[in-house]
């Protein structure tokens, strides 16, 4: 009877396409821009902007200021 039972395997996760892998990699690290200088990823800027917001006492209404400040700090580090 054991000979009749088929072995079942666990389903495989779908693999990311080359394009998807490139997009993920670009968001995880500094991605080179078209002018050759590295730029900060969206996630890096968001993390820093959130930290700046928290350090400022979590006051609302300055999100654009926090975002721009985070971009400037990260781009300054990348240069």
PDB file of N, CA and C in Angstrom:
ATOM      1  N   UNK A   1       0.812  -1.184   0.000  1.00  0.00           N
ATOM      2  CA  UNK A   1       0.000   0.000   0.000  1.00  0.00           C
ATOM      3  C   UNK A   1       0.863   1.260   0.000  1.00  0.00           C
ATOM      4  N   UNK A   2       2.009   1.247   0.673  1.00  0.00           N
ATOM      5  CA  UNK A   2       2.897   2.401   0.695  1.00  0.00           C
ATOM      6  C   UNK A   2       3.420   2.713  -0.698  1.00  0.00           C
ATOM      7  N   UNK A   3       3.518   1.672  -1.553  1.00  0.00           N
ATOM      8  CA  UNK A   3       3.992   1.893  -2.914  1.00  0.00           C
ATOM      9  C   UNK A   3       2.994   2.698  -3.745  1.00  0.00           C
ATOM     10  N   UNK A   4       1.742   2.645  -3.389  1.00  0.00           N
ATOM     11  CA  UNK A   4       0.707   3.304  -4.165  1.00  0.00           C
ATOM     12  C   UNK A   4       0.651   4.805  -3.857  1.00  0.00           C
ATOM     13  N   UNK A   5       0.952   5.187  -2.617  1.00  0.00           N
ATOM     14  CA  UNK A   5       0.870   6.591  -2.232  1.00  0.00           C
ATOM     15  C   UNK A   5       1.933   7.410  -2.936  1.00  0.00           C
ATOM     16  N   UNK A   6       1.518   8.519  -3.439  1.00  0.00           N
ATOM     17  CA  UNK A   6       2.453   9.430  -4.103  1.00  0.00           C
ATOM     18  C   UNK A   6       3.040  10.375  -3.078  1.00  0.00           C
ATOM     19  N   UNK A   7       4.273  10.720  -3.280  1.00  0.00           N
ATOM     20  CA  UNK A   7       4.885  11.736  -2.437  1.00  0.00           C
ATOM     21  C   UNK A   7       4.344  13.087  -2.885  1.00  0.00           C
ATOM     22  N   UNK A   8       3.951  13.880  -1.914  1.00  0.00           N
ATOM     23  CA  UNK A   8       3.504  15.234  -2.246  1.00  0.00           C
ATOM     24  C   UNK A   8       4.573  16.212  -1.802  1.00  0.00           C
ATOM     25  N   UNK A   9       4.794  17.151  -2.616  1.00  0.00           N
ATOM     26  CA  UNK A   9       5.786  18.164  -2.263  1.00  0.00           C
ATOM     27  C   UNK A   9       5.055  19.460  -1.912  1.00  0.00           C
ATOM     28  N   UNK A  10       5.726  20.264  -1.140  1.00  0.00           N
ATOM     29  CA  UNK A  10       5.126  21.549  -0.795  1.00  0.00           C
ATOM     30  C   UNK A  10       5.202  22.457  -2.011  1.00  0.00           C
ATOM     31  N   UNK A  11       4.179  23.266  -2.211  1.00  0.00           N
ATOM     32  CA  UNK A  11       4.212  24.159  -3.378  1.00  0.00           C
ATOM     33  C   UNK A  11       5.348  25.173  -3.253  1.00  0.00           C
ATOM     34  N   UNK A  12       5.942  25.477  -4.372  1.00  0.00           N
ATOM     35  CA  UNK A  12       7.041  26.440  -4.395  1.00  0.00           C
ATOM     36  C   UNK A  12       6.503  27.851  -4.468  1.00  0.00           C
ATOM     37  N   UNK A  13       7.272  28.765  -3.860  1.00  0.00           N
ATOM     38  CA  UNK A  13       6.932  30.178  -3.972  1.00  0.00           C
ATOM     39  C   UNK A  13       7.267  30.628  -5.383  1.00  0.00           C
ATOM     40  N   UNK A  14       6.450  31.488  -5.965  1.00  0.00           N
ATOM     41  CA  UNK A  14       6.791  31.992  -7.295  1.00  0.00           C
ATOM     42  C   UNK A  14       8.058  32.834  -7.233  1.00  0.00           C
ATOM     43  N   UNK A  15       8.896  32.668  -8.202  1.00  0.00           N
ATOM     44  CA  UNK A  15      10.136  33.438  -8.260  1.00  0.00           C
ATOM     45  C   UNK A  15       9.862  34.841  -8.781  1.00  0.00           C
ATOM     46  N   UNK A  16      10.632  35.764  -8.277  1.00  0.00           N
ATOM     47  CA  UNK A  16      10.514  37.140  -8.759  1.00  0.00           C
ATOM     48  C   UNK A  16      11.140  37.223 -10.143  1.00  0.00           C
ATOM     49  N   UNK A  17      10.526  37.974 -11.003  1.00  0.00           N
ATOM     50  CA  UNK A  17      11.104  38.175 -12.317  1.00  0.00           C
ATOM     51  C   UNK A  17      12.318  39.085 -12.182  1.00  0.00           C
ATOM     52  N   UNK A  18      13.099  39.169 -13.217  1.00  0.00           N
ATOM     53  CA  UNK A  18      14.287  40.018 -13.188  1.00  0.00           C
ATOM     54  C   UNK A  18      13.901  41.475 -12.930  1.00  0.00           C
ATOM     55  N   UNK A  19      12.803  41.921 -13.540  1.00  0.00           N
ATOM     56  CA  UNK A  19      12.359  43.298 -13.360  1.00  0.00           C
ATOM     57  C   UNK A  19      11.943  43.541 -11.906  1.00  0.00           C
ATOM     58  N   UNK A  20      11.201  42.589 -11.313  1.00  0.00           N
ATOM     59  CA  UNK A  20      10.783  42.734  -9.927  1.00  0.00           C
ATOM     60  C   UNK A  20      11.986  42.758  -9.002  1.00  0.00           C
ATOM     61  N   UNK A  21      12.967  41.913  -9.245  1.00  0.00           N
ATOM     62  CA  UNK A  21      14.162  41.864  -8.410  1.00  0.00           C
ATOM     63  C   UNK A  21      14.932  43.174  -8.487  1.00  0.00           C
ATOM     64  N   UNK A  22      14.976  43.777  -9.655  1.00  0.00           N
ATOM     65  CA  UNK A  22      15.666  45.056  -9.820  1.00  0.00           C
ATOM     66  C   UNK A  22      14.959  46.150  -9.039  1.00  0.00           C
ATOM     67  N   UNK A  23      13.628  46.165  -9.078  1.00  0.00           N
ATOM     68  CA  UNK A  23      12.863  47.179  -8.352  1.00  0.00           C
ATOM     69  C   UNK A  23      13.088  47.025  -6.858  1.00  0.00           C
ATOM     70  N   UNK A  24      13.041  45.796  -6.357  1.00  0.00           N
ATOM     71  CA  UNK A  24      13.262  45.549  -4.933  1.00  0.00           C
ATOM     72  C   UNK A  24      14.667  45.983  -4.544  1.00  0.00           C
ATOM     73  N   UNK A  25      15.653  45.631  -5.328  1.00  0.00           N
ATOM     74  CA  UNK A  25      17.032  45.995  -5.016  1.00  0.00           C
ATOM     75  C   UNK A  25      17.219  47.503  -5.016  1.00  0.00           C
ATOM     76  N   UNK A  26      16.557  48.187  -5.899  1.00  0.00           N
ATOM     77  CA  UNK A  26      16.689  49.643  -5.960  1.00  0.00           C
ATOM     78  C   UNK A  26      16.115  50.302  -4.721  1.00  0.00           C
ATOM     79  N   UNK A  27      15.080  49.727  -4.154  1.00  0.00           N
ATOM     80  CA  UNK A  27      14.484  50.309  -2.957  1.00  0.00           C
ATOM     81  C   UNK A  27      15.258  49.965  -1.694  1.00  0.00           C
ATOM     82  N   UNK A  28      16.037  48.916  -1.708  1.00  0.00           N
ATOM     83  CA  UNK A  28      16.759  48.499  -0.513  1.00  0.00           C
ATOM     84  C   UNK A  28      18.079  49.235  -0.340  1.00  0.00           C
ATOM     85  N   UNK A  29      18.664  49.689  -1.405  1.00  0.00           N
ATOM     86  CA  UNK A  29      19.966  50.339  -1.322  1.00  0.00           C
ATOM     87  C   UNK A  29      19.937  51.655  -2.096  1.00  0.00           C
ATOM     88  N   UNK A  30      21.041  52.362  -2.064  1.00  0.00           N
ATOM     89  CA  UNK A  30      21.135  53.574  -2.869  1.00  0.00           C
ATOM     90  C   UNK A  30      21.137  53.176  -4.335  1.00  0.00           C
ATOM     91  N   UNK A  31      20.260  53.777  -5.074  1.00  0.00           N
ATOM     92  CA  UNK A  31      20.177  53.493  -6.503  1.00  0.00           C
ATOM     93  C   UNK A  31      20.879  54.607  -7.262  1.00  0.00           C
ATOM     94  N   UNK A  32      21.677  54.267  -8.281  1.00  0.00           N
ATOM     95  CA  UNK A  32      22.323  55.331  -9.043  1.00  0.00           C
ATOM     96  C   UNK A  32      21.285  56.092  -9.854  1.00  0.00           C
ATOM     97  N   UNK A  33      21.410  57.384  -9.895  1.00  0.00           N
ATOM     98  CA  UNK A  33      20.481  58.188 -10.686  1.00  0.00           C
ATOM     99  C   UNK A  33      21.034  58.323 -12.093  1.00  0.00           C
ATOM    100  N   UNK A  34      20.315  59.034 -12.921  1.00  0.00           N
ATOM    101  CA  UNK A  34      20.737  59.178 -14.309  1.00  0.00           C
ATOM    102  C   UNK A  34      21.996  60.022 -14.456  1.00  0.00           C
ATOM    103  N   UNK A  35      22.280  60.878 -13.467  1.00  0.00           N
ATOM    104  CA  UNK A  35      23.473  61.712 -13.578  1.00  0.00           C
ATOM    105  C   UNK A  35      24.696  61.065 -12.927  1.00  0.00           C
ATOM    106  N   UNK A  36      24.573  59.810 -12.475  1.00  0.00           N
ATOM    107  CA  UNK A  36      25.704  59.088 -11.916  1.00  0.00           C
ATOM    108  C   UNK A  36      25.874  59.228 -10.419  1.00  0.00           C
ATOM    109  N   UNK A  37      25.163  60.172  -9.791  1.00  0.00           N
ATOM    110  CA  UNK A  37      25.254  60.334  -8.341  1.00  0.00           C
ATOM    111  C   UNK A  37      24.249  59.406  -7.672  1.00  0.00           C
ATOM    112  N   UNK A  38      24.603  58.799  -6.539  1.00  0.00           N
ATOM    113  CA  UNK A  38      23.634  57.932  -5.869  1.00  0.00           C
ATOM    114  C   UNK A  38      22.495  58.739  -5.281  1.00  0.00           C
ATOM    115  N   UNK A  39      21.333  58.107  -5.195  1.00  0.00           N
ATOM    116  CA  UNK A  39      20.192  58.773  -4.590  1.00  0.00           C
ATOM    117  C   UNK A  39      19.626  57.865  -3.511  1.00  0.00           C
ATOM    118  N   UNK A  40      18.951  58.441  -2.552  1.00  0.00           N
ATOM    119  CA  UNK A  40      18.385  57.682  -1.451  1.00  0.00           C
ATOM    120  C   UNK A  40      17.087  57.026  -1.903  1.00  0.00           C
ATOM    121  N   UNK A  41      16.798  55.846  -1.357  1.00  0.00           N
ATOM    122  CA  UNK A  41      15.562  55.162  -1.708  1.00  0.00           C
ATOM    123  C   UNK A  41      14.387  55.771  -0.967  1.00  0.00           C
ATOM    124  N   UNK A  42      13.213  55.499  -1.450  1.00  0.00           N
ATOM    125  CA  UNK A  42      11.977  56.003  -0.839  1.00  0.00           C
ATOM    126  C   UNK A  42      11.882  55.541   0.618  1.00  0.00           C
ATOM    127  N   UNK A  43      12.205  54.273   0.874  1.00  0.00           N
ATOM    128  CA  UNK A  43      12.123  53.727   2.229  1.00  0.00           C
ATOM    129  C   UNK A  43      13.110  54.391   3.180  1.00  0.00           C
ATOM    130  N   UNK A  44      14.321  54.674   2.695  1.00  0.00           N
ATOM    131  CA  UNK A  44      15.316  55.347   3.537  1.00  0.00           C
ATOM    132  C   UNK A  44      14.844  56.751   3.921  1.00  0.00           C
ATOM    133  N   UNK A  45      14.304  57.459   2.952  1.00  0.00           N
ATOM    134  CA  UNK A  45      13.821  58.811   3.216  1.00  0.00           C
ATOM    135  C   UNK A  45      12.649  58.761   4.197  1.00  0.00           C
ATOM    136  N   UNK A  46      11.745  57.822   3.980  1.00  0.00           N
ATOM    137  CA  UNK A  46      10.577  57.698   4.863  1.00  0.00           C
ATOM    138  C   UNK A  46      10.996  57.394   6.296  1.00  0.00           C
ATOM    139  N   UNK A  47      11.964  56.473   6.465  1.00  0.00           N
ATOM    140  CA  UNK A  47      12.434  56.136   7.819  1.00  0.00           C
ATOM    141  C   UNK A  47      13.028  57.355   8.520  1.00  0.00           C
ATOM    142  N   UNK A  48      13.865  58.091   7.814  1.00  0.00           N
ATOM    143  CA  UNK A  48      14.506  59.259   8.406  1.00  0.00           C
ATOM    144  C   UNK A  48      13.479  60.362   8.672  1.00  0.00           C
ATOM    145  N   UNK A  49      12.548  60.578   7.750  1.00  0.00           N
ATOM    146  CA  UNK A  49      11.517  61.597   7.954  1.00  0.00           C
ATOM    147  C   UNK A  49      10.671  61.249   9.179  1.00  0.00           C
ATOM    148  N   UNK A  50      10.369  59.980   9.357  1.00  0.00           N
ATOM    149  CA  UNK A  50       9.600  59.558  10.531  1.00  0.00           C
ATOM    150  C   UNK A  50      10.395  59.824  11.808  1.00  0.00           C
ATOM    151  N   UNK A  51      11.685  59.536  11.782  1.00  0.00           N
ATOM    152  CA  UNK A  51      12.526  59.795  12.948  1.00  0.00           C
ATOM    153  C   UNK A  51      12.590  61.287  13.269  1.00  0.00           C
ATOM    154  N   UNK A  52      12.713  62.114  12.223  1.00  0.00           N
ATOM    155  CA  UNK A  52      12.746  63.562  12.422  1.00  0.00           C
ATOM    156  C   UNK A  52      11.425  64.051  13.023  1.00  0.00           C
ATOM    157  N   UNK A  53      10.315  63.498  12.561  1.00  0.00           N
ATOM    158  CA  UNK A  53       8.994  63.845  13.089  1.00  0.00           C
ATOM    159  C   UNK A  53       8.891  63.479  14.560  1.00  0.00           C
ATOM    160  N   UNK A  54       9.386  62.281  14.905  1.00  0.00           N
ATOM    161  CA  UNK A  54       9.342  61.838  16.304  1.00  0.00           C
ATOM    162  C   UNK A  54      10.230  62.709  17.183  1.00  0.00           C
ATOM    163  N   UNK A  55      11.408  63.069  16.683  1.00  0.00           N
ATOM    164  CA  UNK A  55      12.331  63.910  17.452  1.00  0.00           C
ATOM    165  C   UNK A  55      11.770  65.310  17.671  1.00  0.00           C
ATOM    166  N   UNK A  56      10.902  65.766  16.752  1.00  0.00           N
ATOM    167  CA  UNK A  56      10.315  67.091  16.849  1.00  0.00           C
ATOM    168  C   UNK A  56       9.089  67.089  17.762  1.00  0.00           C
ATOM    169  N   UNK A  57       8.797  65.964  18.394  1.00  0.00           N
ATOM    170  CA  UNK A  57       7.666  65.896  19.318  1.00  0.00           C
ATOM    171  C   UNK A  57       6.382  65.404  18.673  1.00  0.00           C
ATOM    172  N   UNK A  58       6.482  64.761  17.518  1.00  0.00           N
ATOM    173  CA  UNK A  58       5.323  64.200  16.806  1.00  0.00           C
ATOM    174  C   UNK A  58       4.254  65.246  16.479  1.00  0.00           C
ATOM    175  N   UNK A  59       4.714  66.447  16.160  1.00  0.00           N
ATOM    176  CA  UNK A  59       3.793  67.521  15.782  1.00  0.00           C
ATOM    177  C   UNK A  59       3.408  67.350  14.317  1.00  0.00           C
ATOM    178  N   UNK A  60       2.117  67.380  14.072  1.00  0.00           N
ATOM    179  CA  UNK A  60       1.628  67.225  12.701  1.00  0.00           C
ATOM    180  C   UNK A  60       1.695  68.550  11.949  1.00  0.00           C
ATOM    181  N   UNK A  61       1.656  68.464  10.631  1.00  0.00           N
ATOM    182  CA  UNK A  61       1.622  69.663   9.801  1.00  0.00           C
ATOM    183  C   UNK A  61       2.959  70.041   9.193  1.00  0.00           C
ATOM    184  N   UNK A  62       3.996  69.248   9.468  1.00  0.00           N
ATOM    185  CA  UNK A  62       5.327  69.562   8.928  1.00  0.00           C
ATOM    186  C   UNK A  62       5.893  68.383   8.141  1.00  0.00           C
ATOM    187  N   UNK A  63       5.023  67.563   7.574  1.00  0.00           N
ATOM    188  CA  UNK A  63       5.472  66.357   6.895  1.00  0.00           C
ATOM    189  C   UNK A  63       6.352  66.657   5.688  1.00  0.00           C
ATOM    190  N   UNK A  64       5.991  67.660   4.901  1.00  0.00           N
ATOM    191  CA  UNK A  64       6.799  67.999   3.727  1.00  0.00           C
ATOM    192  C   UNK A  64       8.179  68.495   4.160  1.00  0.00           C
ATOM    193  N   UNK A  65       8.211  69.285   5.223  1.00  0.00           N
ATOM    194  CA  UNK A  65       9.486  69.793   5.746  1.00  0.00           C
ATOM    195  C   UNK A  65      10.376  68.630   6.219  1.00  0.00           C
ATOM    196  N   UNK A  66       9.771  67.677   6.939  1.00  0.00           N
ATOM    197  CA  UNK A  66      10.529  66.509   7.406  1.00  0.00           C
ATOM    198  C   UNK A  66      11.052  65.697   6.236  1.00  0.00           C
ATOM    199  N   UNK A  67      10.217  65.522   5.214  1.00  0.00           N
ATOM    200  CA  UNK A  67      10.613  64.725   4.046  1.00  0.00           C
ATOM    201  C   UNK A  67      11.790  65.392   3.324  1.00  0.00           C
ATOM    202  N   UNK A  68      11.675  66.697   3.078  1.00  0.00           N
ATOM    203  CA  UNK A  68      12.747  67.404   2.375  1.00  0.00           C
ATOM    204  C   UNK A  68      14.037  67.415   3.185  1.00  0.00           C
ATOM    205  N   UNK A  69      13.916  67.585   4.492  1.00  0.00           N
ATOM    206  CA  UNK A  69      15.103  67.557   5.360  1.00  0.00           C
ATOM    207  C   UNK A  69      15.768  66.180   5.323  1.00  0.00           C
ATOM    208  N   UNK A  70      14.959  65.120   5.334  1.00  0.00           N
ATOM    209  CA  UNK A  70      15.490  63.754   5.267  1.00  0.00           C
ATOM    210  C   UNK A  70      16.211  63.533   3.930  1.00  0.00           C
ATOM    211  N   UNK A  71      15.606  63.994   2.848  1.00  0.00           N
ATOM    212  CA  UNK A  71      16.245  63.867   1.522  1.00  0.00           C
ATOM    213  C   UNK A  71      17.585  64.583   1.516  1.00  0.00           C
ATOM    214  N   UNK A  72      17.611  65.811   2.016  1.00  0.00           N
ATOM    215  CA  UNK A  72      18.848  66.588   2.022  1.00  0.00           C
ATOM    216  C   UNK A  72      19.929  65.897   2.847  1.00  0.00           C
ATOM    217  N   UNK A  73      19.561  65.362   4.013  1.00  0.00           N
ATOM    218  CA  UNK A  73      20.547  64.693   4.856  1.00  0.00           C
ATOM    219  C   UNK A  73      21.088  63.441   4.180  1.00  0.00           C
ATOM    220  N   UNK A  74      20.213  62.655   3.564  1.00  0.00           N
ATOM    221  CA  UNK A  74      20.672  61.423   2.925  1.00  0.00           C
ATOM    222  C   UNK A  74      21.492  61.716   1.678  1.00  0.00           C
ATOM    223  N   UNK A  75      21.093  62.690   0.904  1.00  0.00           N
ATOM    224  CA  UNK A  75      21.849  63.032  -0.302  1.00  0.00           C
ATOM    225  C   UNK A  75      23.191  63.654   0.066  1.00  0.00           C
ATOM    226  N   UNK A  76      23.226  64.374   1.171  1.00  0.00           N
ATOM    227  CA  UNK A  76      24.490  64.937   1.641  1.00  0.00           C
ATOM    228  C   UNK A  76      25.461  63.843   2.047  1.00  0.00           C
ATOM    229  N   UNK A  77      24.941  62.775   2.665  1.00  0.00           N
ATOM    230  CA  UNK A  77      25.776  61.638   3.044  1.00  0.00           C
ATOM    231  C   UNK A  77      26.259  60.889   1.813  1.00  0.00           C
ATOM    232  N   UNK A  78      25.403  60.799   0.785  1.00  0.00           N
ATOM    233  CA  UNK A  78      25.742  60.028  -0.406  1.00  0.00           C
ATOM    234  C   UNK A  78      26.775  60.733  -1.271  1.00  0.00           C
ATOM    235  N   UNK A  79      26.888  62.039  -1.165  1.00  0.00           N
ATOM    236  CA  UNK A  79      27.816  62.807  -2.022  1.00  0.00           C
ATOM    237  C   UNK A  79      29.241  62.613  -1.600  1.00  0.00           C
TER     238      UNK A  79
END
